[in-house]
Amino acid sequence: MLRKDFLTVFAVKGEETQRFLIELDHLTNPEFLSLLDQTREEYGFHQKGILTLPCRPQELQEILRHSKGSNACTESWGYM
């Protein structure tokens, strides 16, 4: 079930992969916006499915933790 006002992303760096459910309020966070710019530079605008961010899951957690009113949920996710 999709939750309203949330965005699902993968944080992927090497073998480290984690799925995040992020409240849309984080889209105003300058650190998160910078990460989206890095994503555009690395992958372009043509990603299909869930957005993949080029960072370690711990890095994204830290960005979200510093963001005002952090309400991000995370789930472990591995590729087979």
C-alpha atoms as a PDB file:
ATOM      1  CA  MET A   1       0.000   0.000   0.000  1.00  0.00           C
ATOM      2  CA  LEU A   2       1.382   3.403  -0.986  1.00  0.00           C
ATOM      3  CA  ARG A   3       1.449   6.065   1.667  1.00  0.00           C
ATOM      4  CA  LYS A   4       0.330   9.534   0.689  1.00  0.00           C
ATOM      5  CA  ASP A   5       2.959  12.283   0.921  1.00  0.00           C
ATOM      6  CA  PHE A   6       5.890   9.855   0.926  1.00  0.00           C
ATOM      7  CA  LEU A   7       8.586   9.019  -1.625  1.00  0.00           C
ATOM      8  CA  THR A   8      10.305   5.631  -1.843  1.00  0.00           C
ATOM      9  CA  VAL A   9      14.016   5.626  -2.720  1.00  0.00           C
ATOM     10  CA  PHE A  10      16.954   3.222  -2.659  1.00  0.00           C
ATOM     11  CA  ALA A  11      20.278   4.329  -1.204  1.00  0.00           C
ATOM     12  CA  VAL A  12      22.909   2.287  -3.069  1.00  0.00           C
ATOM     13  CA  LYS A  13      26.689   2.390  -2.771  1.00  0.00           C
ATOM     14  CA  GLY A  14      28.607  -0.726  -3.760  1.00  0.00           C
ATOM     15  CA  GLU A  15      26.989  -3.715  -2.053  1.00  0.00           C
ATOM     16  CA  GLU A  16      25.146  -1.542   0.487  1.00  0.00           C
ATOM     17  CA  THR A  17      21.481  -1.134  -0.421  1.00  0.00           C
ATOM     18  CA  GLN A  18      18.582   0.042   1.698  1.00  0.00           C
ATOM     19  CA  ARG A  19      15.062   1.133   0.855  1.00  0.00           C
ATOM     20  CA  PHE A  20      13.738   4.330   2.423  1.00  0.00           C
ATOM     21  CA  LEU A  21      10.236   5.711   2.709  1.00  0.00           C
ATOM     22  CA  ILE A  22      10.741   9.478   2.950  1.00  0.00           C
ATOM     23  CA  GLU A  23       8.214  12.150   3.822  1.00  0.00           C
ATOM     24  CA  LEU A  24       7.941  14.697   0.987  1.00  0.00           C
ATOM     25  CA  ASP A  25       8.808  17.529   3.413  1.00  0.00           C
ATOM     26  CA  HIS A  26      12.449  16.425   3.030  1.00  0.00           C
ATOM     27  CA  LEU A  27      12.395  17.733  -0.550  1.00  0.00           C
ATOM     28  CA  THR A  28      13.096  21.203   0.871  1.00  0.00           C
ATOM     29  CA  ASN A  29      16.232  20.037   2.734  1.00  0.00           C
ATOM     30  CA  PRO A  30      19.330  21.494   0.979  1.00  0.00           C
ATOM     31  CA  GLU A  31      21.408  18.364   1.717  1.00  0.00           C
ATOM     32  CA  PHE A  32      18.716  16.113   0.227  1.00  0.00           C
ATOM     33  CA  LEU A  33      18.380  18.403  -2.802  1.00  0.00           C
ATOM     34  CA  SER A  34      22.151  18.203  -3.305  1.00  0.00           C
ATOM     35  CA  LEU A  35      21.875  14.417  -3.237  1.00  0.00           C
ATOM     36  CA  LEU A  36      19.151  14.618  -5.907  1.00  0.00           C
ATOM     37  CA  ASP A  37      21.523  16.733  -8.048  1.00  0.00           C
ATOM     38  CA  GLN A  38      24.210  14.042  -7.665  1.00  0.00           C
ATOM     39  CA  THR A  39      21.633  11.453  -8.694  1.00  0.00           C
ATOM     40  CA  ARG A  40      20.778  13.435 -11.835  1.00  0.00           C
ATOM     41  CA  GLU A  41      24.470  13.754 -12.723  1.00  0.00           C
ATOM     42  CA  GLU A  42      25.154  10.044 -12.198  1.00  0.00           C
ATOM     43  CA  TYR A  43      21.982   8.453 -13.592  1.00  0.00           C
ATOM     44  CA  GLY A  44      20.260  11.178 -15.618  1.00  0.00           C
ATOM     45  CA  PHE A  45      16.527  11.759 -15.719  1.00  0.00           C
ATOM     46  CA  HIS A  46      15.555   8.395 -17.167  1.00  0.00           C
ATOM     47  CA  GLN A  47      15.387   6.171 -14.091  1.00  0.00           C
ATOM     48  CA  LYS A  48      12.409   3.837 -14.101  1.00  0.00           C
ATOM     49  CA  GLY A  49      10.724   2.598 -10.953  1.00  0.00           C
ATOM     50  CA  ILE A  50      12.010   3.586  -7.538  1.00  0.00           C
ATOM     51  CA  LEU A  51      14.548   6.431  -7.473  1.00  0.00           C
ATOM     52  CA  THR A  52      18.096   5.230  -6.716  1.00  0.00           C
ATOM     53  CA  LEU A  53      20.358   7.614  -4.802  1.00  0.00           C
ATOM     54  CA  PRO A  54      24.152   7.166  -5.136  1.00  0.00           C
ATOM     55  CA  CYS A  55      25.028   7.148  -1.441  1.00  0.00           C
ATOM     56  CA  ARG A  56      25.508   4.786   1.461  1.00  0.00           C
ATOM     57  CA  PRO A  57      22.338   4.143   3.468  1.00  0.00           C
ATOM     58  CA  GLN A  58      24.053   5.595   6.551  1.00  0.00           C
ATOM     59  CA  GLU A  59      24.718   8.854   4.675  1.00  0.00           C
ATOM     60  CA  LEU A  60      21.060   9.217   3.742  1.00  0.00           C
ATOM     61  CA  GLN A  61      19.992   8.405   7.307  1.00  0.00           C
ATOM     62  CA  GLU A  62      22.283  11.168   8.565  1.00  0.00           C
ATOM     63  CA  ILE A  63      20.832  13.693   6.090  1.00  0.00           C
ATOM     64  CA  LEU A  64      17.303  12.765   7.130  1.00  0.00           C
ATOM     65  CA  ARG A  65      18.192  12.844  10.827  1.00  0.00           C
ATOM     66  CA  HIS A  66      19.400  16.444  10.488  1.00  0.00           C
ATOM     67  CA  SER A  67      16.336  17.440   8.513  1.00  0.00           C
ATOM     68  CA  LYS A  68      13.665  19.233  10.487  1.00  0.00           C
ATOM     69  CA  GLY A  69      10.894  16.882  11.653  1.00  0.00           C
ATOM     70  CA  SER A  70      12.472  13.712  10.278  1.00  0.00           C
ATOM     71  CA  ASN A  71       9.831  11.025   9.715  1.00  0.00           C
ATOM     72  CA  ALA A  72      11.702   8.659   7.411  1.00  0.00           C
ATOM     73  CA  CYS A  73      11.057   4.942   7.621  1.00  0.00           C
ATOM     74  CA  THR A  74      13.636   2.441   6.434  1.00  0.00           C
ATOM     75  CA  GLU A  75      13.612  -1.186   5.398  1.00  0.00           C
ATOM     76  CA  SER A  76      16.538  -3.458   4.626  1.00  0.00           C
ATOM     77  CA  TRP A  77      16.687  -4.505   1.015  1.00  0.00           C
ATOM     78  CA  GLY A  78      19.211  -6.629  -0.820  1.00  0.00           C
ATOM     79  CA  TYR A  79      19.629  -7.528  -4.457  1.00  0.00           C
ATOM     80  CA  MET A  80      19.811 -11.215  -5.289  1.00  0.00           C
END
